[in-house]
C-alpha atoms as a PDB file:
ATOM      1  CA  MET A   1      24.684  58.426 152.458  1.00  0.00           C
ATOM      2  CA  ASN A   2      25.957  57.886 149.005  1.00  0.00           C
ATOM      3  CA  LYS A   3      27.544  54.619 147.704  1.00  0.00           C
ATOM      4  CA  LEU A   4      30.986  55.762 147.025  1.00  0.00           C
ATOM      5  CA  LYS A   5      33.215  52.949 149.154  1.00  0.00           C
ATOM      6  CA  LEU A   6      37.288  53.874 149.113  1.00  0.00           C
ATOM      7  CA  LYS A   7      39.663  51.135 149.995  1.00  0.00           C
ATOM      8  CA  GLY A   8      43.617  51.257 149.421  1.00  0.00           C
ATOM      9  CA  VAL A   9      45.964  54.043 148.500  1.00  0.00           C
ATOM     10  CA  LEU A  10      45.554  56.541 146.248  1.00  0.00           C
ATOM     11  CA  PRO A  11      48.498  58.822 145.344  1.00  0.00           C
ATOM     12  CA  PRO A  12      48.442  62.790 145.290  1.00  0.00           C
ATOM     13  CA  VAL A  13      49.567  62.698 141.940  1.00  0.00           C
ATOM     14  CA  VAL A  14      52.463  64.963 140.807  1.00  0.00           C
ATOM     15  CA  THR A  15      52.680  67.150 137.894  1.00  0.00           C
ATOM     16  CA  PRO A  16      55.634  66.907 135.900  1.00  0.00           C
ATOM     17  CA  PHE A  17      56.725  70.360 134.638  1.00  0.00           C
ATOM     18  CA  THR A  18      58.960  71.449 131.538  1.00  0.00           C
ATOM     19  CA  GLU A  19      62.579  72.868 132.712  1.00  0.00           C
ATOM     20  CA  GLY A  20      60.765  75.699 131.022  1.00  0.00           C
ATOM     21  CA  GLY A  21      57.362  75.749 133.135  1.00  0.00           C
ATOM     22  CA  ASP A  22      54.970  73.987 130.784  1.00  0.00           C
ATOM     23  CA  VAL A  23      53.055  70.831 132.237  1.00  0.00           C
ATOM     24  CA  ASP A  24      54.611  67.737 130.747  1.00  0.00           C
ATOM     25  CA  TYR A  25      51.535  65.999 129.907  1.00  0.00           C
ATOM     26  CA  ASP A  26      53.321  63.095 128.246  1.00  0.00           C
ATOM     27  CA  ALA A  27      55.144  62.539 131.361  1.00  0.00           C
ATOM     28  CA  PHE A  28      51.933  62.823 133.129  1.00  0.00           C
ATOM     29  CA  VAL A  29      50.434  59.813 131.098  1.00  0.00           C
ATOM     30  CA  SER A  30      53.401  57.695 131.363  1.00  0.00           C
ATOM     31  CA  ASN A  31      53.305  57.964 135.319  1.00  0.00           C
ATOM     32  CA  ILE A  32      49.319  57.053 135.226  1.00  0.00           C
ATOM     33  CA  GLU A  33      49.986  54.202 133.202  1.00  0.00           C
ATOM     34  CA  LYS A  34      52.934  52.866 135.079  1.00  0.00           C
ATOM     35  CA  TRP A  35      50.818  53.451 138.157  1.00  0.00           C
ATOM     36  CA  ASN A  36      48.133  51.308 136.453  1.00  0.00           C
ATOM     37  CA  GLU A  37      50.674  48.268 137.008  1.00  0.00           C
ATOM     38  CA  THR A  38      50.918  48.721 140.694  1.00  0.00           C
ATOM     39  CA  GLY A  39      47.987  47.958 143.148  1.00  0.00           C
ATOM     40  CA  LEU A  40      46.388  51.678 144.031  1.00  0.00           C
ATOM     41  CA  THR A  41      43.198  52.006 144.402  1.00  0.00           C
ATOM     42  CA  GLY A  42      43.077  55.163 142.083  1.00  0.00           C
ATOM     43  CA  TYR A  43      44.623  58.582 141.712  1.00  0.00           C
ATOM     44  CA  LEU A  44      43.677  62.026 143.183  1.00  0.00           C
ATOM     45  CA  ILE A  45      44.625  64.438 140.661  1.00  0.00           C
ATOM     46  CA  LEU A  46      45.115  68.313 141.650  1.00  0.00           C
ATOM     47  CA  GLY A  47      46.041  67.339 145.385  1.00  0.00           C
ATOM     48  CA  SER A  48      48.792  69.317 147.171  1.00  0.00           C
ATOM     49  CA  ASN A  49      51.637  67.606 146.194  1.00  0.00           C
ATOM     50  CA  SER A  50      50.412  68.447 142.467  1.00  0.00           C
ATOM     51  CA  GLU A  51      51.155  72.141 142.688  1.00  0.00           C
ATOM     52  CA  THR A  52      47.390  72.563 142.343  1.00  0.00           C
ATOM     53  CA  CYS A  53      47.867  76.449 143.268  1.00  0.00           C
ATOM     54  CA  TYR A  54      49.918  77.021 140.452  1.00  0.00           C
ATOM     55  CA  LEU A  55      47.851  75.593 137.450  1.00  0.00           C
ATOM     56  CA  SER A  56      45.773  77.501 135.548  1.00  0.00           C
ATOM     57  CA  ARG A  57      42.003  76.318 135.413  1.00  0.00           C
ATOM     58  CA  GLU A  58      42.727  74.614 131.732  1.00  0.00           C
ATOM     59  CA  GLU A  59      45.594  72.609 132.871  1.00  0.00           C
ATOM     60  CA  LYS A  60      43.642  71.280 135.802  1.00  0.00           C
ATOM     61  CA  LEU A  61      40.964  70.170 133.728  1.00  0.00           C
ATOM     62  CA  GLU A  62      43.102  68.391 130.854  1.00  0.00           C
ATOM     63  CA  LEU A  63      45.298  66.823 133.596  1.00  0.00           C
ATOM     64  CA  ILE A  64      41.796  65.297 134.691  1.00  0.00           C
ATOM     65  CA  ARG A  65      40.813  64.349 131.464  1.00  0.00           C
ATOM     66  CA  LEU A  66      44.020  62.600 130.891  1.00  0.00           C
ATOM     67  CA  SER A  67      43.901  60.553 133.893  1.00  0.00           C
ATOM     68  CA  ALA A  68      40.278  59.666 133.246  1.00  0.00           C
ATOM     69  CA  GLU A  69      41.012  58.121 129.830  1.00  0.00           C
ATOM     70  CA  HIS A  70      44.140  56.484 130.685  1.00  0.00           C
ATOM     71  CA  ARG A  71      43.648  54.707 133.842  1.00  0.00           C
ATOM     72  CA  SER A  72      43.449  51.016 134.116  1.00  0.00           C
ATOM     73  CA  GLU A  73      39.541  50.044 135.041  1.00  0.00           C
ATOM     74  CA  GLY A  74      38.364  50.136 138.081  1.00  0.00           C
ATOM     75  CA  LYS A  75      41.111  52.779 138.959  1.00  0.00           C
ATOM     76  CA  HIS A  76      39.022  55.524 140.570  1.00  0.00           C
ATOM     77  CA  ILE A  77      39.505  59.210 139.937  1.00  0.00           C
ATOM     78  CA  MET A  78      39.690  61.843 142.833  1.00  0.00           C
ATOM     79  CA  ALA A  79      39.902  65.449 141.539  1.00  0.00           C
ATOM     80  CA  GLY A  80      41.091  68.215 144.114  1.00  0.00           C
ATOM     81  CA  THR A  81      38.683  71.181 143.122  1.00  0.00           C
ATOM     82  CA  GLY A  82      38.577  73.154 145.909  1.00  0.00           C
ATOM     83  CA  LEU A  83      38.587  77.120 145.071  1.00  0.00           C
ATOM     84  CA  GLU A  84      38.019  80.299 147.439  1.00  0.00           C
ATOM     85  CA  SER A  85      34.723  80.617 146.614  1.00  0.00           C
ATOM     86  CA  ILE A  86      31.657  78.450 146.569  1.00  0.00           C
ATOM     87  CA  ARG A  87      30.767  79.246 143.521  1.00  0.00           C
ATOM     88  CA  GLU A  88      34.051  78.564 141.743  1.00  0.00           C
ATOM     89  CA  THR A  89      34.275  75.184 143.647  1.00  0.00           C
ATOM     90  CA  ILE A  90      30.954  74.095 142.271  1.00  0.00           C
ATOM     91  CA  ASP A  91      31.847  75.012 138.702  1.00  0.00           C
ATOM     92  CA  LEU A  92      34.965  73.247 138.797  1.00  0.00           C
ATOM     93  CA  THR A  93      33.714  69.930 140.628  1.00  0.00           C
ATOM     94  CA  ASN A  94      31.125  69.859 137.710  1.00  0.00           C
ATOM     95  CA  ASP A  95      33.582  70.489 135.075  1.00  0.00           C
ATOM     96  CA  ALA A  96      35.615  67.961 136.233  1.00  0.00           C
ATOM     97  CA  ALA A  97      32.762  65.290 136.662  1.00  0.00           C
ATOM     98  CA  LYS A  98      31.612  65.560 132.876  1.00  0.00           C
ATOM     99  CA  LEU A  99      35.517  64.543 132.370  1.00  0.00           C
ATOM    100  CA  GLY A 100      35.930  61.605 134.301  1.00  0.00           C
ATOM    101  CA  ALA A 101      36.591  62.656 138.243  1.00  0.00           C
ATOM    102  CA  GLU A 102      34.338  60.734 140.121  1.00  0.00           C
ATOM    103  CA  SER A 103      34.776  62.305 143.681  1.00  0.00           C
ATOM    104  CA  ALA A 104      36.085  64.983 144.752  1.00  0.00           C
ATOM    105  CA  LEU A 105      38.450  66.650 147.335  1.00  0.00           C
ATOM    106  CA  ILE A 106      37.125  70.129 148.856  1.00  0.00           C
ATOM    107  CA  LEU A 107      39.931  72.156 150.179  1.00  0.00           C
ATOM    108  CA  THR A 108      39.248  74.149 153.432  1.00  0.00           C
ATOM    109  CA  PRO A 109      38.976  77.936 152.603  1.00  0.00           C
ATOM    110  CA  SER A 110      41.361  80.038 153.868  1.00  0.00           C
ATOM    111  CA  PHE A 111      42.414  83.153 152.352  1.00  0.00           C
ATOM    112  CA  PHE A 112      40.279  84.427 155.395  1.00  0.00           C
ATOM    113  CA  ASP A 113      41.207  82.116 157.886  1.00  0.00           C
ATOM    114  CA  ALA A 114      40.245  83.733 160.875  1.00  0.00           C
ATOM    115  CA  SER A 115      36.404  84.271 159.258  1.00  0.00           C
ATOM    116  CA  MET A 116      36.580  80.459 158.993  1.00  0.00           C
ATOM    117  CA  ASP A 117      34.986  79.116 162.054  1.00  0.00           C
ATOM    118  CA  SER A 118      32.905  75.980 161.953  1.00  0.00           C
ATOM    119  CA  ALA A 119      29.261  77.909 160.709  1.00  0.00           C
ATOM    120  CA  ALA A 120      31.445  79.280 157.346  1.00  0.00           C
ATOM    121  CA  LEU A 121      32.912  76.094 156.943  1.00  0.00           C
ATOM    122  CA  ILE A 122      29.499  74.014 157.327  1.00  0.00           C
ATOM    123  CA  ASP A 123      28.090  76.286 155.055  1.00  0.00           C
ATOM    124  CA  TYR A 124      30.753  76.471 152.551  1.00  0.00           C
ATOM    125  CA  PHE A 125      30.424  72.682 152.369  1.00  0.00           C
ATOM    126  CA  THR A 126      26.814  72.022 152.389  1.00  0.00           C
ATOM    127  CA  GLN A 127      26.318  74.445 149.629  1.00  0.00           C
ATOM    128  CA  VAL A 128      28.812  72.619 147.239  1.00  0.00           C
ATOM    129  CA  ALA A 129      27.860  69.394 148.050  1.00  0.00           C
ATOM    130  CA  ASP A 130      24.362  70.320 147.033  1.00  0.00           C
ATOM    131  CA  HIS A 131      25.096  71.492 143.778  1.00  0.00           C
ATOM    132  CA  SER A 132      27.730  68.818 143.112  1.00  0.00           C
ATOM    133  CA  ASP A 133      27.165  66.284 140.586  1.00  0.00           C
ATOM    134  CA  ILE A 134      29.506  63.932 142.034  1.00  0.00           C
ATOM    135  CA  PRO A 135      30.387  63.028 146.063  1.00  0.00           C
ATOM    136  CA  VAL A 136      32.284  64.972 147.828  1.00  0.00           C
ATOM    137  CA  LEU A 137      35.196  64.950 150.551  1.00  0.00           C
ATOM    138  CA  LEU A 138      36.090  67.473 153.133  1.00  0.00           C
ATOM    139  CA  TYR A 139      40.062  67.882 152.999  1.00  0.00           C
ATOM    140  CA  ASN A 140      41.490  68.677 156.440  1.00  0.00           C
ATOM    141  CA  VAL A 141      45.152  70.230 155.622  1.00  0.00           C
ATOM    142  CA  PRO A 142      46.220  72.392 158.643  1.00  0.00           C
ATOM    143  CA  LYS A 143      49.939  73.038 157.253  1.00  0.00           C
ATOM    144  CA  PHE A 144      48.811  74.595 154.530  1.00  0.00           C
ATOM    145  CA  THR A 145      45.793  76.319 154.751  1.00  0.00           C
ATOM    146  CA  HIS A 146      45.797  77.248 158.616  1.00  0.00           C
ATOM    147  CA  VAL A 147      42.511  75.689 158.595  1.00  0.00           C
ATOM    148  CA  THR A 148      40.921  73.151 160.930  1.00  0.00           C
ATOM    149  CA  ILE A 149      37.753  71.284 160.086  1.00  0.00           C
ATOM    150  CA  GLY A 150      36.655  71.323 164.320  1.00  0.00           C
ATOM    151  CA  MET A 151      34.671  67.957 165.407  1.00  0.00           C
ATOM    152  CA  ASP A 152      31.245  69.924 165.401  1.00  0.00           C
ATOM    153  CA  ALA A 153      31.878  70.462 161.716  1.00  0.00           C
ATOM    154  CA  VAL A 154      32.783  66.911 160.857  1.00  0.00           C
ATOM    155  CA  GLN A 155      29.301  65.796 162.810  1.00  0.00           C
ATOM    156  CA  LYS A 156      27.577  67.843 161.182  1.00  0.00           C
ATOM    157  CA  LEU A 157      28.493  67.600 157.753  1.00  0.00           C
ATOM    158  CA  MET A 158      28.882  63.710 157.632  1.00  0.00           C
ATOM    159  CA  GLU A 159      25.049  63.513 157.657  1.00  0.00           C
ATOM    160  CA  HIS A 160      25.289  65.389 154.683  1.00  0.00           C
ATOM    161  CA  PRO A 161      23.860  62.818 151.423  1.00  0.00           C
ATOM    162  CA  ASN A 162      26.937  63.884 148.919  1.00  0.00           C
ATOM    163  CA  ILE A 163      29.404  64.168 151.666  1.00  0.00           C
ATOM    164  CA  ALA A 164      31.158  60.764 151.116  1.00  0.00           C
ATOM    165  CA  GLY A 165      33.928  61.122 153.924  1.00  0.00           C
ATOM    166  CA  MET A 166      37.003  63.594 154.469  1.00  0.00           C
ATOM    167  CA  LYS A 167      41.367  63.480 153.960  1.00  0.00           C
ATOM    168  CA  ASP A 168      42.650  64.276 156.903  1.00  0.00           C
ATOM    169  CA  SER A 169      46.087  65.542 156.790  1.00  0.00           C
ATOM    170  CA  SER A 170      46.949  66.824 159.767  1.00  0.00           C
ATOM    171  CA  GLY A 171      49.221  63.907 161.315  1.00  0.00           C
ATOM    172  CA  ASN A 172      47.087  64.213 164.332  1.00  0.00           C
ATOM    173  CA  VAL A 173      46.582  60.516 165.431  1.00  0.00           C
ATOM    174  CA  PRO A 174      44.751  61.549 168.393  1.00  0.00           C
ATOM    175  CA  GLN A 175      42.188  63.662 166.354  1.00  0.00           C
ATOM    176  CA  LEU A 176      41.878  60.694 163.742  1.00  0.00           C
ATOM    177  CA  ALA A 177      41.146  58.394 166.182  1.00  0.00           C
ATOM    178  CA  ALA A 178      38.369  60.817 168.089  1.00  0.00           C
ATOM    179  CA  MET A 179      37.033  61.662 164.554  1.00  0.00           C
ATOM    180  CA  LYS A 180      36.868  57.424 163.707  1.00  0.00           C
ATOM    181  CA  HIS A 181      34.691  57.223 166.662  1.00  0.00           C
ATOM    182  CA  VAL A 182      31.996  59.128 165.399  1.00  0.00           C
ATOM    183  CA  VAL A 183      31.738  59.179 161.923  1.00  0.00           C
ATOM    184  CA  PRO A 184      29.523  56.411 160.765  1.00  0.00           C
ATOM    185  CA  GLU A 185      31.001  53.135 159.113  1.00  0.00           C
ATOM    186  CA  GLU A 186      30.304  54.329 155.253  1.00  0.00           C
ATOM    187  CA  PHE A 187      31.992  57.845 155.653  1.00  0.00           C
ATOM    188  CA  ASN A 188      35.174  57.400 153.975  1.00  0.00           C
ATOM    189  CA  LEU A 189      37.580  58.818 156.627  1.00  0.00           C
ATOM    190  CA  MET A 190      41.161  58.548 155.138  1.00  0.00           C
ATOM    191  CA  VAL A 191      44.517  59.453 156.556  1.00  0.00           C
ATOM    192  CA  GLY A 192      46.547  62.068 154.384  1.00  0.00           C
ATOM    193  CA  THR A 193      50.067  61.258 154.930  1.00  0.00           C
ATOM    194  CA  ALA A 194      51.919  58.048 155.064  1.00  0.00           C
ATOM    195  CA  GLY A 195      53.477  58.716 158.207  1.00  0.00           C
ATOM    196  CA  ALA A 196      50.279  57.935 159.968  1.00  0.00           C
ATOM    197  CA  TRP A 197      49.536  55.210 157.486  1.00  0.00           C
ATOM    198  CA  TYR A 198      50.135  52.202 160.145  1.00  0.00           C
ATOM    199  CA  SER A 199      48.421  53.630 163.314  1.00  0.00           C
ATOM    200  CA  ALA A 200      45.454  54.538 160.801  1.00  0.00           C
ATOM    201  CA  LEU A 201      44.925  50.745 159.935  1.00  0.00           C
ATOM    202  CA  THR A 202      44.920  50.258 163.835  1.00  0.00           C
ATOM    203  CA  LEU A 203      42.121  52.475 163.998  1.00  0.00           C
ATOM    204  CA  ASP A 204      40.250  50.192 160.921  1.00  0.00           C
ATOM    205  CA  ILE A 205      40.808  53.122 158.636  1.00  0.00           C
ATOM    206  CA  LYS A 206      40.711  51.346 155.187  1.00  0.00           C
ATOM    207  CA  ALA A 207      42.082  53.934 152.873  1.00  0.00           C
ATOM    208  CA  GLY A 208      44.532  56.584 152.640  1.00  0.00           C
ATOM    209  CA  VAL A 209      46.226  59.660 150.277  1.00  0.00           C
ATOM    210  CA  HIS A 210      49.823  59.398 150.563  1.00  0.00           C
ATOM    211  CA  ALA A 211      52.620  61.519 148.729  1.00  0.00           C
ATOM    212  CA  LEU A 212      55.263  58.331 149.314  1.00  0.00           C
ATOM    213  CA  ALA A 213      52.758  56.682 147.001  1.00  0.00           C
ATOM    214  CA  ASN A 214      53.704  58.901 143.644  1.00  0.00           C
ATOM    215  CA  CYS A 215      57.288  56.867 144.328  1.00  0.00           C
ATOM    216  CA  CYS A 216      56.718  54.251 146.118  1.00  0.00           C
ATOM    217  CA  PRO A 217      53.389  52.685 145.814  1.00  0.00           C
ATOM    218  CA  ASP A 218      54.050  48.935 146.234  1.00  0.00           C
ATOM    219  CA  GLU A 219      55.318  49.630 149.773  1.00  0.00           C
ATOM    220  CA  CYS A 220      52.438  51.676 150.714  1.00  0.00           C
ATOM    221  CA  VAL A 221      49.654  49.120 149.361  1.00  0.00           C
ATOM    222  CA  LYS A 222      51.846  46.338 150.830  1.00  0.00           C
ATOM    223  CA  ILE A 223      51.796  47.958 154.242  1.00  0.00           C
ATOM    224  CA  GLN A 224      48.077  47.746 154.460  1.00  0.00           C
ATOM    225  CA  GLU A 225      48.014  44.013 152.478  1.00  0.00           C
ATOM    226  CA  LEU A 226      50.190  42.697 155.061  1.00  0.00           C
ATOM    227  CA  PHE A 227      48.025  44.404 157.966  1.00  0.00           C
ATOM    228  CA  GLU A 228      45.004  43.131 157.130  1.00  0.00           C
ATOM    229  CA  ALA A 229      46.458  39.808 156.521  1.00  0.00           C
ATOM    230  CA  GLY A 230      47.199  39.610 159.980  1.00  0.00           C
ATOM    231  CA  ASP A 231      51.177  39.802 159.840  1.00  0.00           C
ATOM    232  CA  TRP A 232      51.438  43.155 161.765  1.00  0.00           C
ATOM    233  CA  LYS A 233      55.095  42.659 162.468  1.00  0.00           C
ATOM    234  CA  ALA A 234      55.938  42.525 158.798  1.00  0.00           C
ATOM    235  CA  SER A 235      53.420  45.347 158.207  1.00  0.00           C
ATOM    236  CA  ARG A 236      55.094  47.579 160.726  1.00  0.00           C
ATOM    237  CA  GLU A 237      58.550  46.482 160.063  1.00  0.00           C
ATOM    238  CA  LEU A 238      58.079  47.929 156.140  1.00  0.00           C
ATOM    239  CA  TYR A 239      56.136  51.140 157.623  1.00  0.00           C
ATOM    240  CA  GLN A 240      59.703  52.029 159.993  1.00  0.00           C
ATOM    241  CA  ARG A 241      61.482  51.264 157.003  1.00  0.00           C
ATOM    242  CA  VAL A 242      59.979  53.609 154.421  1.00  0.00           C
ATOM    243  CA  LEU A 243      59.177  55.829 157.213  1.00  0.00           C
ATOM    244  CA  PRO A 244      62.706  58.212 156.572  1.00  0.00           C
ATOM    245  CA  VAL A 245      61.892  58.390 153.032  1.00  0.00           C
ATOM    246  CA  ASN A 246      58.103  59.775 153.496  1.00  0.00           C
ATOM    247  CA  SER A 247      59.825  62.200 156.050  1.00  0.00           C
ATOM    248  CA  ALA A 248      62.257  63.552 153.577  1.00  0.00           C
ATOM    249  CA  VAL A 249      59.792  64.091 150.545  1.00  0.00           C
ATOM    250  CA  THR A 250      57.139  65.097 152.128  1.00  0.00           C
ATOM    251  CA  GLY A 251      59.126  67.375 154.910  1.00  0.00           C
ATOM    252  CA  ALA A 252      62.810  68.068 154.383  1.00  0.00           C
ATOM    253  CA  PHE A 253      63.226  68.064 150.613  1.00  0.00           C
ATOM    254  CA  GLY A 254      59.516  69.075 150.002  1.00  0.00           C
ATOM    255  CA  ILE A 255      57.914  68.766 146.352  1.00  0.00           C
ATOM    256  CA  ALA A 256      61.177  68.971 144.248  1.00  0.00           C
ATOM    257  CA  GLY A 257      62.379  65.870 146.840  1.00  0.00           C
ATOM    258  CA  LEU A 258      59.241  64.115 146.073  1.00  0.00           C
ATOM    259  CA  LYS A 259      59.316  64.650 142.076  1.00  0.00           C
ATOM    260  CA  TYR A 260      63.104  63.343 142.299  1.00  0.00           C
ATOM    261  CA  GLY A 261      62.329  60.101 144.666  1.00  0.00           C
ATOM    262  CA  CYS A 262      59.925  59.732 141.749  1.00  0.00           C
ATOM    263  CA  ASP A 263      62.912  60.205 139.241  1.00  0.00           C
ATOM    264  CA  LEU A 264      64.863  57.299 141.488  1.00  0.00           C
ATOM    265  CA  MET A 265      62.099  54.814 141.480  1.00  0.00           C
ATOM    266  CA  GLY A 266      61.324  55.113 137.674  1.00  0.00           C
ATOM    267  CA  TYR A 267      58.588  57.546 136.921  1.00  0.00           C
ATOM    268  CA  ARG A 268      58.489  61.062 135.524  1.00  0.00           C
ATOM    269  CA  GLY A 269      58.632  63.439 138.558  1.00  0.00           C
ATOM    270  CA  GLY A 270      59.848  66.622 136.261  1.00  0.00           C
ATOM    271  CA  TRP A 271      60.915  70.046 137.543  1.00  0.00           C
ATOM    272  CA  VAL A 272      58.922  72.044 139.984  1.00  0.00           C
ATOM    273  CA  ARG A 273      56.786  75.031 138.913  1.00  0.00           C
ATOM    274  CA  SER A 274      58.977  78.343 139.871  1.00  0.00           C
ATOM    275  CA  PRO A 275      58.820  80.055 142.628  1.00  0.00           C
ATOM    276  CA  LEU A 276      59.371  76.400 143.507  1.00  0.00           C
ATOM    277  CA  GLN A 277      63.226  75.983 143.210  1.00  0.00           C
ATOM    278  CA  PRO A 278      64.826  72.641 142.378  1.00  0.00           C
ATOM    279  CA  LEU A 279      67.058  70.214 143.963  1.00  0.00           C
ATOM    280  CA  SER A 280      70.675  70.956 144.554  1.00  0.00           C
ATOM    281  CA  GLU A 281      72.948  68.233 143.474  1.00  0.00           C
ATOM    282  CA  GLU A 282      73.789  68.146 147.271  1.00  0.00           C
ATOM    283  CA  LYS A 283      70.480  67.600 148.206  1.00  0.00           C
ATOM    284  CA  LYS A 284      69.796  64.987 145.876  1.00  0.00           C
ATOM    285  CA  ALA A 285      72.951  62.756 146.739  1.00  0.00           C
ATOM    286  CA  ALA A 286      71.439  63.386 150.366  1.00  0.00           C
ATOM    287  CA  LEU A 287      68.206  61.881 149.390  1.00  0.00           C
ATOM    288  CA  ARG A 288      69.086  59.074 146.955  1.00  0.00           C
ATOM    289  CA  LYS A 289      71.005  57.825 150.487  1.00  0.00           C
ATOM    290  CA  ILE A 290      67.528  57.428 152.248  1.00  0.00           C
ATOM    291  CA  PHE A 291      66.250  55.714 149.515  1.00  0.00           C
ATOM    292  CA  GLU A 292      69.193  53.604 149.304  1.00  0.00           C
ATOM    293  CA  LYS A 293      69.063  52.948 153.136  1.00  0.00           C
ATOM    294  CA  ALA A 294      65.675  51.638 152.829  1.00  0.00           C
ATOM    295  CA  GLU A 295      66.200  49.468 150.515  1.00  0.00           C
ATOM    296  CA  LEU A 296      64.246  51.206 147.547  1.00  0.00           C
ATOM    297  CA  ILE A 297      67.381  51.584 145.259  1.00  0.00           C
END
């Protein structure tokens, strides 16, 4: 097993766009520098909430380069480099490594979802891990891919020396508990939603990748700090206070809502890239009320 050990919170960082649809690299760097002042463990560049599916290869690599250049010392850079083909995934992963990515989060291929059974996924992740210059982590997000990494595949893949862990964004806590029971201690099993953060901590899961951490990094970090200090009541109360915000920015209001949440909290969310649509003024007002009720603004 490789030496990668992750603990704490990483946001799947938003990609700010200008109103005209260009990547706003200045806003991106501004966010990285502001997040540097928090207790975040590092940053996932090119996650689902980064609108990765709308980015060109050149844009992806530039965002990785900038994040590695501007992160503060000790902040981990994880890059979402999973593509549909094994060859393209390996190429992007190793180019990301050259630019400073320290680990790669690999999304399940999903276009031919009916054919992505355990045998196909084991072959895909094994070949990628065999040829990757940095540790890779499995990324299970059936909400978007309609593909689920089965327990049999996880048990086989966790034995690979260059597969360092898994981000499970299913929100299925019983499934998370079952996985935690079978994976070795050194396997970085991460919860991929703040909605399951408190439950994950009770399962002795040490790391999470949370969209909410884009706009509320301090709160996401504090939930874990309080829990590990033994103040479970305070941890649970903070978790419950921000839970409606998480539900809003990851569900009801989508990525445009997450970006507006960043704006509300002093970050630079920027515009979404078309065909995603910006929030209406009515929805902005509704989301602001949710932030106010959570005592965030």
